[in-house]
Amino acid sequence: MRIIGNIPHPTLKITLMHHGRHLLKLEDRDTEVTYKFRDGEGVHDLASAQRCLDLGLLQEAERTLRELSSQRARFLPPAVRRGDSLPNII
């Protein structure tokens, strides 16, 4: 897998990769979302990935990440849910 580059964001890590198709990965503290784009679907470099994010994909991904994080938290053991922090590994 080849990393094409990163797109700056204040709270997310956004990476564009290529592995037979383009993968746009958005990560927060404890969840991630990856969008896959085949050739011809419009995402082929950082500029085209940024345009896709600007058209609304970023807002949808942020909403999805919040929902996934909330779902994940519901299944953590009660001791962890009370506020014990997990290590932040990036």
PDB file of N, CA and C in Angstrom:
ATOM      1  N   MET A   1       0.853  -1.164   0.000  1.00  0.00           N
ATOM      2  CA  MET A   1       0.000   0.000   0.000  1.00  0.00           C
ATOM      3  C   MET A   1       0.904   1.233   0.000  1.00  0.00           C
ATOM      4  N   ARG A   2       0.575   2.168  -0.849  1.00  0.00           N
ATOM      5  CA  ARG A   2       1.368   3.380  -0.991  1.00  0.00           C
ATOM      6  C   ARG A   2       0.577   4.557  -0.443  1.00  0.00           C
ATOM      7  N   ILE A   3       1.186   5.312   0.462  1.00  0.00           N
ATOM      8  CA  ILE A   3       0.558   6.523   0.989  1.00  0.00           C
ATOM      9  C   ILE A   3       0.839   7.665   0.018  1.00  0.00           C
ATOM     10  N   ILE A   4      -0.244   8.254  -0.484  1.00  0.00           N
ATOM     11  CA  ILE A   4      -0.108   9.385  -1.407  1.00  0.00           C
ATOM     12  C   ILE A   4       0.149  10.664  -0.613  1.00  0.00           C
ATOM     13  N   GLY A   5      -0.530  10.820   0.513  1.00  0.00           N
ATOM     14  CA  GLY A   5      -0.316  12.000   1.336  1.00  0.00           C
ATOM     15  C   GLY A   5      -1.416  12.174   2.363  1.00  0.00           C
ATOM     16  N   ASN A   6      -1.280  13.228   3.151  1.00  0.00           N
ATOM     17  CA  ASN A   6      -2.234  13.561   4.201  1.00  0.00           C
ATOM     18  C   ASN A   6      -2.896  14.895   3.908  1.00  0.00           C
ATOM     19  N   ILE A   7      -4.134  15.016   4.361  1.00  0.00           N
ATOM     20  CA  ILE A   7      -4.879  16.267   4.238  1.00  0.00           C
ATOM     21  C   ILE A   7      -5.002  16.844   5.640  1.00  0.00           C
ATOM     22  N   PRO A   8      -4.540  18.077   5.845  1.00  0.00           N
ATOM     23  CA  PRO A   8      -4.584  18.668   7.185  1.00  0.00           C
ATOM     24  C   PRO A   8      -6.013  18.827   7.705  1.00  0.00           C
ATOM     25  N   HIS A   9      -6.181  18.557   8.996  1.00  0.00           N
ATOM     26  CA  HIS A   9      -7.460  18.738   9.680  1.00  0.00           C
ATOM     27  C   HIS A   9      -7.146  18.927  11.155  1.00  0.00           C
ATOM     28  N   PRO A  10      -7.878  19.790  11.859  1.00  0.00           N
ATOM     29  CA  PRO A  10      -7.536  20.066  13.257  1.00  0.00           C
ATOM     30  C   PRO A  10      -7.732  18.894  14.217  1.00  0.00           C
ATOM     31  N   THR A  11      -8.652  17.969  13.928  1.00  0.00           N
ATOM     32  CA  THR A  11      -8.913  16.881  14.880  1.00  0.00           C
ATOM     33  C   THR A  11      -8.807  15.486  14.281  1.00  0.00           C
ATOM     34  N   LEU A  12      -8.813  15.367  12.975  1.00  0.00           N
ATOM     35  CA  LEU A  12      -8.767  14.056  12.333  1.00  0.00           C
ATOM     36  C   LEU A  12      -7.447  13.846  11.610  1.00  0.00           C
ATOM     37  N   LYS A  13      -7.074  12.604  11.477  1.00  0.00           N
ATOM     38  CA  LYS A  13      -5.966  12.249  10.587  1.00  0.00           C
ATOM     39  C   LYS A  13      -6.624  11.771   9.294  1.00  0.00           C
ATOM     40  N   ILE A  14      -6.316  12.438   8.188  1.00  0.00           N
ATOM     41  CA  ILE A  14      -6.912  12.107   6.895  1.00  0.00           C
ATOM     42  C   ILE A  14      -5.782  11.708   5.957  1.00  0.00           C
ATOM     43  N   THR A  15      -5.854  10.478   5.455  1.00  0.00           N
ATOM     44  CA  THR A  15      -4.793   9.932   4.620  1.00  0.00           C
ATOM     45  C   THR A  15      -5.379   9.397   3.325  1.00  0.00           C
ATOM     46  N   LEU A  16      -4.721   9.714   2.217  1.00  0.00           N
ATOM     47  CA  LEU A  16      -5.084   9.139   0.925  1.00  0.00           C
ATOM     48  C   LEU A  16      -4.018   8.111   0.570  1.00  0.00           C
ATOM     49  N   MET A  17      -4.470   6.893   0.260  1.00  0.00           N
ATOM     50  CA  MET A  17      -3.566   5.798  -0.076  1.00  0.00           C
ATOM     51  C   MET A  17      -3.985   5.181  -1.403  1.00  0.00           C
ATOM     52  N   HIS A  18      -3.095   4.385  -1.957  1.00  0.00           N
ATOM     53  CA  HIS A  18      -3.415   3.657  -3.179  1.00  0.00           C
ATOM     54  C   HIS A  18      -2.997   2.207  -3.018  1.00  0.00           C
ATOM     55  N   HIS A  19      -3.924   1.322  -3.313  1.00  0.00           N
ATOM     56  CA  HIS A  19      -3.671  -0.119  -3.264  1.00  0.00           C
ATOM     57  C   HIS A  19      -4.662  -0.775  -4.226  1.00  0.00           C
ATOM     58  N   GLY A  20      -4.408  -0.623  -5.513  1.00  0.00           N
ATOM     59  CA  GLY A  20      -5.351  -1.130  -6.506  1.00  0.00           C
ATOM     60  C   GLY A  20      -6.517  -0.192  -6.735  1.00  0.00           C
ATOM     61  N   ARG A  21      -6.831   0.586  -5.770  1.00  0.00           N
ATOM     62  CA  ARG A  21      -7.831   1.652  -5.821  1.00  0.00           C
ATOM     63  C   ARG A  21      -7.405   2.698  -4.807  1.00  0.00           C
ATOM     64  N   HIS A  22      -8.040   3.844  -4.828  1.00  0.00           N
ATOM     65  CA  HIS A  22      -7.687   4.896  -3.876  1.00  0.00           C
ATOM     66  C   HIS A  22      -8.521   4.731  -2.607  1.00  0.00           C
ATOM     67  N   LEU A  23      -7.855   4.835  -1.478  1.00  0.00           N
ATOM     68  CA  LEU A  23      -8.499   4.713  -0.178  1.00  0.00           C
ATOM     69  C   LEU A  23      -8.343   6.035   0.559  1.00  0.00           C
ATOM     70  N   LEU A  24      -9.449   6.599   0.995  1.00  0.00           N
ATOM     71  CA  LEU A  24      -9.445   7.838   1.762  1.00  0.00           C
ATOM     72  C   LEU A  24      -9.844   7.475   3.185  1.00  0.00           C
ATOM     73  N   LYS A  25      -8.881   7.560   4.102  1.00  0.00           N
ATOM     74  CA  LYS A  25      -9.074   7.109   5.475  1.00  0.00           C
ATOM     75  C   LYS A  25      -9.124   8.308   6.413  1.00  0.00           C
ATOM     76  N   LEU A  26     -10.186   8.373   7.222  1.00  0.00           N
ATOM     77  CA  LEU A  26     -10.356   9.425   8.214  1.00  0.00           C
ATOM     78  C   LEU A  26     -10.366   8.766   9.587  1.00  0.00           C
ATOM     79  N   GLU A  27      -9.475   9.214  10.467  1.00  0.00           N
ATOM     80  CA  GLU A  27      -9.324   8.607  11.786  1.00  0.00           C
ATOM     81  C   GLU A  27      -9.487   9.653  12.876  1.00  0.00           C
ATOM     82  N   ASP A  28     -10.176   9.247  13.943  1.00  0.00           N
ATOM     83  CA  ASP A  28     -10.187  10.080  15.137  1.00  0.00           C
ATOM     84  C   ASP A  28      -9.538   9.280  16.254  1.00  0.00           C
ATOM     85  N   ARG A  29      -9.817   9.616  17.475  1.00  0.00           N
ATOM     86  CA  ARG A  29      -9.157   9.006  18.620  1.00  0.00           C
ATOM     87  C   ARG A  29      -9.346   7.491  18.696  1.00  0.00           C
ATOM     88  N   ASP A  30     -10.549   6.992  18.441  1.00  0.00           N
ATOM     89  CA  ASP A  30     -10.803   5.574  18.650  1.00  0.00           C
ATOM     90  C   ASP A  30     -11.579   4.877  17.535  1.00  0.00           C
ATOM     91  N   THR A  31     -11.840   5.567  16.438  1.00  0.00           N
ATOM     92  CA  THR A  31     -12.546   4.964  15.312  1.00  0.00           C
ATOM     93  C   THR A  31     -11.970   5.476  13.999  1.00  0.00           C
ATOM     94  N   GLU A  32     -12.319   4.795  12.938  1.00  0.00           N
ATOM     95  CA  GLU A  32     -11.880   5.243  11.615  1.00  0.00           C
ATOM     96  C   GLU A  32     -12.908   4.840  10.567  1.00  0.00           C
ATOM     97  N   VAL A  33     -12.909   5.599   9.477  1.00  0.00           N
ATOM     98  CA  VAL A  33     -13.768   5.332   8.327  1.00  0.00           C
ATOM     99  C   VAL A  33     -12.873   5.375   7.095  1.00  0.00           C
ATOM    100  N   THR A  34     -13.031   4.382   6.221  1.00  0.00           N
ATOM    101  CA  THR A  34     -12.263   4.356   4.981  1.00  0.00           C
ATOM    102  C   THR A  34     -13.225   4.294   3.804  1.00  0.00           C
ATOM    103  N   TYR A  35     -13.049   5.216   2.877  1.00  0.00           N
ATOM    104  CA  TYR A  35     -13.833   5.237   1.654  1.00  0.00           C
ATOM    105  C   TYR A  35     -12.940   4.726   0.524  1.00  0.00           C
ATOM    106  N   LYS A  36     -13.482   3.839  -0.308  1.00  0.00           N
ATOM    107  CA  LYS A  36     -12.736   3.264  -1.425  1.00  0.00           C
ATOM    108  C   LYS A  36     -13.253   3.856  -2.730  1.00  0.00           C
ATOM    109  N   PHE A  37     -12.325   4.252  -3.590  1.00  0.00           N
ATOM    110  CA  PHE A  37     -12.674   4.837  -4.874  1.00  0.00           C
ATOM    111  C   PHE A  37     -11.980   4.071  -5.988  1.00  0.00           C
ATOM    112  N   ARG A  38     -12.751   3.565  -6.914  1.00  0.00           N
ATOM    113  CA  ARG A  38     -12.183   2.881  -8.084  1.00  0.00           C
ATOM    114  C   ARG A  38     -11.710   3.919  -9.105  1.00  0.00           C
ATOM    115  N   ASP A  39     -10.885   3.484 -10.033  1.00  0.00           N
ATOM    116  CA  ASP A  39     -10.460   4.384 -11.115  1.00  0.00           C
ATOM    117  C   ASP A  39     -11.693   4.935 -11.814  1.00  0.00           C
ATOM    118  N   GLY A  40     -11.675   6.207 -12.101  1.00  0.00           N
ATOM    119  CA  GLY A  40     -12.782   6.846 -12.797  1.00  0.00           C
ATOM    120  C   GLY A  40     -13.858   7.404 -11.882  1.00  0.00           C
ATOM    121  N   GLU A  41     -13.743   7.185 -10.567  1.00  0.00           N
ATOM    122  CA  GLU A  41     -14.755   7.706  -9.647  1.00  0.00           C
ATOM    123  C   GLU A  41     -14.419   9.104  -9.125  1.00  0.00           C
ATOM    124  N   GLY A  42     -13.324   9.684  -9.619  1.00  0.00           N
ATOM    125  CA  GLY A  42     -13.057  11.085  -9.329  1.00  0.00           C
ATOM    126  C   GLY A  42     -12.033  11.377  -8.249  1.00  0.00           C
ATOM    127  N   VAL A  43     -11.586  10.379  -7.505  1.00  0.00           N
ATOM    128  CA  VAL A  43     -10.557  10.607  -6.494  1.00  0.00           C
ATOM    129  C   VAL A  43      -9.292   9.906  -6.962  1.00  0.00           C
ATOM    130  N   HIS A  44      -8.244  10.724  -7.242  1.00  0.00           N
ATOM    131  CA  HIS A  44      -7.004  10.144  -7.756  1.00  0.00           C
ATOM    132  C   HIS A  44      -5.765  10.842  -7.217  1.00  0.00           C
ATOM    133  N   ASP A  45      -5.949  11.970  -6.500  1.00  0.00           N
ATOM    134  CA  ASP A  45      -4.827  12.682  -5.886  1.00  0.00           C
ATOM    135  C   ASP A  45      -5.367  13.486  -4.702  1.00  0.00           C
ATOM    136  N   LEU A  46      -4.486  14.167  -3.991  1.00  0.00           N
ATOM    137  CA  LEU A  46      -4.910  14.916  -2.806  1.00  0.00           C
ATOM    138  C   LEU A  46      -5.913  16.016  -3.129  1.00  0.00           C
ATOM    139  N   ALA A  47      -5.724  16.688  -4.261  1.00  0.00           N
ATOM    140  CA  ALA A  47      -6.643  17.778  -4.629  1.00  0.00           C
ATOM    141  C   ALA A  47      -8.056  17.245  -4.878  1.00  0.00           C
ATOM    142  N   SER A  48      -8.162  16.129  -5.576  1.00  0.00           N
ATOM    143  CA  SER A  48      -9.501  15.574  -5.851  1.00  0.00           C
ATOM    144  C   SER A  48     -10.127  15.005  -4.574  1.00  0.00           C
ATOM    145  N   ALA A  49      -9.306  14.463  -3.669  1.00  0.00           N
ATOM    146  CA  ALA A  49      -9.823  13.978  -2.387  1.00  0.00           C
ATOM    147  C   ALA A  49     -10.341  15.150  -1.560  1.00  0.00           C
ATOM    148  N   GLN A  50      -9.612  16.262  -1.567  1.00  0.00           N
ATOM    149  CA  GLN A  50     -10.044  17.454  -0.829  1.00  0.00           C
ATOM    150  C   GLN A  50     -11.363  17.980  -1.386  1.00  0.00           C
ATOM    151  N   ARG A  51     -11.511  17.995  -2.714  1.00  0.00           N
ATOM    152  CA  ARG A  51     -12.782  18.444  -3.321  1.00  0.00           C
ATOM    153  C   ARG A  51     -13.935  17.567  -2.856  1.00  0.00           C
ATOM    154  N   CYS A  52     -13.714  16.263  -2.816  1.00  0.00           N
ATOM    155  CA  CYS A  52     -14.746  15.329  -2.372  1.00  0.00           C
ATOM    156  C   CYS A  52     -15.134  15.611  -0.910  1.00  0.00           C
ATOM    157  N   LEU A  53     -14.145  15.851  -0.070  1.00  0.00           N
ATOM    158  CA  LEU A  53     -14.412  16.186   1.330  1.00  0.00           C
ATOM    159  C   LEU A  53     -15.189  17.491   1.427  1.00  0.00           C
ATOM    160  N   ASP A  54     -14.815  18.478   0.625  1.00  0.00           N
ATOM    161  CA  ASP A  54     -15.473  19.782   0.646  1.00  0.00           C
ATOM    162  C   ASP A  54     -16.927  19.715   0.187  1.00  0.00           C
ATOM    163  N   LEU A  55     -17.266  18.731  -0.637  1.00  0.00           N
ATOM    164  CA  LEU A  55     -18.632  18.593  -1.150  1.00  0.00           C
ATOM    165  C   LEU A  55     -19.585  17.973  -0.135  1.00  0.00           C
ATOM    166  N   GLY A  56     -19.084  17.664   1.071  1.00  0.00           N
ATOM    167  CA  GLY A  56     -19.966  17.140   2.111  1.00  0.00           C
ATOM    168  C   GLY A  56     -19.519  15.830   2.712  1.00  0.00           C
ATOM    169  N   LEU A  57     -18.566  15.169   2.085  1.00  0.00           N
ATOM    170  CA  LEU A  57     -18.110  13.887   2.627  1.00  0.00           C
ATOM    171  C   LEU A  57     -17.482  14.064   4.006  1.00  0.00           C
ATOM    172  N   LEU A  58     -16.779  15.156   4.229  1.00  0.00           N
ATOM    173  CA  LEU A  58     -16.144  15.387   5.525  1.00  0.00           C
ATOM    174  C   LEU A  58     -17.186  15.487   6.637  1.00  0.00           C
ATOM    175  N   GLN A  59     -18.254  16.242   6.426  1.00  0.00           N
ATOM    176  CA  GLN A  59     -19.289  16.393   7.449  1.00  0.00           C
ATOM    177  C   GLN A  59     -19.965  15.049   7.739  1.00  0.00           C
ATOM    178  N   GLU A  60     -20.218  14.274   6.702  1.00  0.00           N
ATOM    179  CA  GLU A  60     -20.829  12.954   6.893  1.00  0.00           C
ATOM    180  C   GLU A  60     -19.882  12.017   7.631  1.00  0.00           C
ATOM    181  N   ALA A  61     -18.601  12.062   7.296  1.00  0.00           N
ATOM    182  CA  ALA A  61     -17.618  11.209   7.962  1.00  0.00           C
ATOM    183  C   ALA A  61     -17.491  11.585   9.436  1.00  0.00           C
ATOM    184  N   GLU A  62     -17.488  12.880   9.739  1.00  0.00           N
ATOM    185  CA  GLU A  62     -17.409  13.315  11.136  1.00  0.00           C
ATOM    186  C   GLU A  62     -18.619  12.815  11.924  1.00  0.00           C
ATOM    187  N   ARG A  63     -19.800  12.888  11.323  1.00  0.00           N
ATOM    188  CA  ARG A  63     -21.011  12.385  11.982  1.00  0.00           C
ATOM    189  C   ARG A  63     -20.905  10.877  12.210  1.00  0.00           C
ATOM    190  N   THR A  64     -20.443  10.159  11.198  1.00  0.00           N
ATOM    191  CA  THR A  64     -20.289   8.712  11.308  1.00  0.00           C
ATOM    192  C   THR A  64     -19.280   8.347  12.386  1.00  0.00           C
ATOM    193  N   LEU A  65     -18.168   9.059  12.446  1.00  0.00           N
ATOM    194  CA  LEU A  65     -17.155   8.794  13.465  1.00  0.00           C
ATOM    195  C   LEU A  65     -17.706   9.024  14.869  1.00  0.00           C
ATOM    196  N   ARG A  66     -18.497  10.074  15.054  1.00  0.00           N
ATOM    197  CA  ARG A  66     -19.119  10.314  16.373  1.00  0.00           C
ATOM    198  C   ARG A  66     -20.040   9.164  16.743  1.00  0.00           C
ATOM    199  N   GLU A  67     -20.857   8.708  15.782  1.00  0.00           N
ATOM    200  CA  GLU A  67     -21.779   7.603  16.040  1.00  0.00           C
ATOM    201  C   GLU A  67     -21.018   6.319  16.364  1.00  0.00           C
ATOM    202  N   LEU A  68     -19.977   6.029  15.597  1.00  0.00           N
ATOM    203  CA  LEU A  68     -19.179   4.826  15.846  1.00  0.00           C
ATOM    204  C   LEU A  68     -18.521   4.881  17.220  1.00  0.00           C
ATOM    205  N   SER A  69     -18.008   6.039  17.593  1.00  0.00           N
ATOM    206  CA  SER A  69     -17.374   6.196  18.894  1.00  0.00           C
ATOM    207  C   SER A  69     -18.383   5.979  20.021  1.00  0.00           C
ATOM    208  N   SER A  70     -19.581   6.509  19.840  1.00  0.00           N
ATOM    209  CA  SER A  70     -20.641   6.329  20.831  1.00  0.00           C
ATOM    210  C   SER A  70     -21.036   4.856  20.946  1.00  0.00           C
ATOM    211  N   GLN A  71     -21.184   4.182  19.813  1.00  0.00           N
ATOM    212  CA  GLN A  71     -21.510   2.756  19.821  1.00  0.00           C
ATOM    213  C   GLN A  71     -20.421   1.955  20.526  1.00  0.00           C
ATOM    214  N   ARG A  72     -19.180   2.268  20.215  1.00  0.00           N
ATOM    215  CA  ARG A  72     -18.050   1.572  20.817  1.00  0.00           C
ATOM    216  C   ARG A  72     -18.059   1.748  22.334  1.00  0.00           C
ATOM    217  N   ALA A  73     -18.305   2.960  22.790  1.00  0.00           N
ATOM    218  CA  ALA A  73     -18.293   3.248  24.225  1.00  0.00           C
ATOM    219  C   ALA A  73     -19.349   2.440  24.979  1.00  0.00           C
ATOM    220  N   ARG A  74     -20.476   2.179  24.343  1.00  0.00           N
ATOM    221  CA  ARG A  74     -21.537   1.411  25.003  1.00  0.00           C
ATOM    222  C   ARG A  74     -21.112  -0.020  25.311  1.00  0.00           C
ATOM    223  N   PHE A  75     -20.121  -0.543  24.604  1.00  0.00           N
ATOM    224  CA  PHE A  75     -19.707  -1.926  24.790  1.00  0.00           C
ATOM    225  C   PHE A  75     -18.432  -2.079  25.601  1.00  0.00           C
ATOM    226  N   LEU A  76     -17.886  -0.966  26.083  1.00  0.00           N
ATOM    227  CA  LEU A  76     -16.709  -1.035  26.935  1.00  0.00           C
ATOM    228  C   LEU A  76     -17.121  -1.509  28.327  1.00  0.00           C
ATOM    229  N   PRO A  77     -16.226  -2.174  29.041  1.00  0.00           N
ATOM    230  CA  PRO A  77     -16.543  -2.563  30.429  1.00  0.00           C
ATOM    231  C   PRO A  77     -16.874  -1.329  31.265  1.00  0.00           C
ATOM    232  N   PRO A  78     -17.761  -1.469  32.261  1.00  0.00           N
ATOM    233  CA  PRO A  78     -18.183  -0.307  33.066  1.00  0.00           C
ATOM    234  C   PRO A  78     -17.018   0.467  33.670  1.00  0.00           C
ATOM    235  N   ALA A  79     -15.969  -0.186  34.115  1.00  0.00           N
ATOM    236  CA  ALA A  79     -14.839   0.520  34.724  1.00  0.00           C
ATOM    237  C   ALA A  79     -14.186   1.470  33.727  1.00  0.00           C
ATOM    238  N   VAL A  80     -14.124   1.088  32.474  1.00  0.00           N
ATOM    239  CA  VAL A  80     -13.520   1.936  31.446  1.00  0.00           C
ATOM    240  C   VAL A  80     -14.465   3.076  31.095  1.00  0.00           C
ATOM    241  N   ARG A  81     -15.764   2.802  31.064  1.00  0.00           N
ATOM    242  CA  ARG A  81     -16.743   3.828  30.714  1.00  0.00           C
ATOM    243  C   ARG A  81     -16.790   4.966  31.728  1.00  0.00           C
ATOM    244  N   ARG A  82     -16.393   4.710  32.980  1.00  0.00           N
ATOM    245  CA  ARG A  82     -16.465   5.748  34.017  1.00  0.00           C
ATOM    246  C   ARG A  82     -15.457   6.858  33.802  1.00  0.00           C
ATOM    247  N   GLY A  83     -14.529   6.671  32.881  1.00  0.00           N
ATOM    248  CA  GLY A  83     -13.584   7.748  32.633  1.00  0.00           C
ATOM    249  C   GLY A  83     -12.145   7.290  32.611  1.00  0.00           C
ATOM    250  N   ASP A  84     -11.890   6.016  32.933  1.00  0.00           N
ATOM    251  CA  ASP A  84     -10.526   5.528  32.795  1.00  0.00           C
ATOM    252  C   ASP A  84     -10.145   5.666  31.336  1.00  0.00           C
ATOM    253  N   SER A  85      -8.996   6.234  31.075  1.00  0.00           N
ATOM    254  CA  SER A  85      -8.638   6.474  29.685  1.00  0.00           C
ATOM    255  C   SER A  85      -7.834   5.317  29.127  1.00  0.00           C
ATOM    256  N   LEU A  86      -8.050   5.049  27.875  1.00  0.00           N
ATOM    257  CA  LEU A  86      -7.257   4.074  27.151  1.00  0.00           C
ATOM    258  C   LEU A  86      -6.074   4.808  26.534  1.00  0.00           C
ATOM    259  N   PRO A  87      -4.967   4.130  26.343  1.00  0.00           N
ATOM    260  CA  PRO A  87      -3.820   4.810  25.717  1.00  0.00           C
ATOM    261  C   PRO A  87      -4.164   5.272  24.314  1.00  0.00           C
ATOM    262  N   ASN A  88      -3.650   6.422  23.944  1.00  0.00           N
ATOM    263  CA  ASN A  88      -3.877   6.996  22.615  1.00  0.00           C
ATOM    264  C   ASN A  88      -2.720   6.580  21.725  1.00  0.00           C
ATOM    265  N   ILE A  89      -2.948   5.601  20.854  1.00  0.00           N
ATOM    266  CA  ILE A  89      -1.908   5.075  19.985  1.00  0.00           C
ATOM    267  C   ILE A  89      -2.198   5.503  18.567  1.00  0.00           C
ATOM    268  N   ILE A  90      -1.251   6.194  17.967  1.00  0.00           N
ATOM    269  CA  ILE A  90      -1.413   6.625  16.578  1.00  0.00           C
ATOM    270  C   ILE A  90      -0.214   6.177  15.796  1.00  0.00           C
TER     271      ILE A  90
END
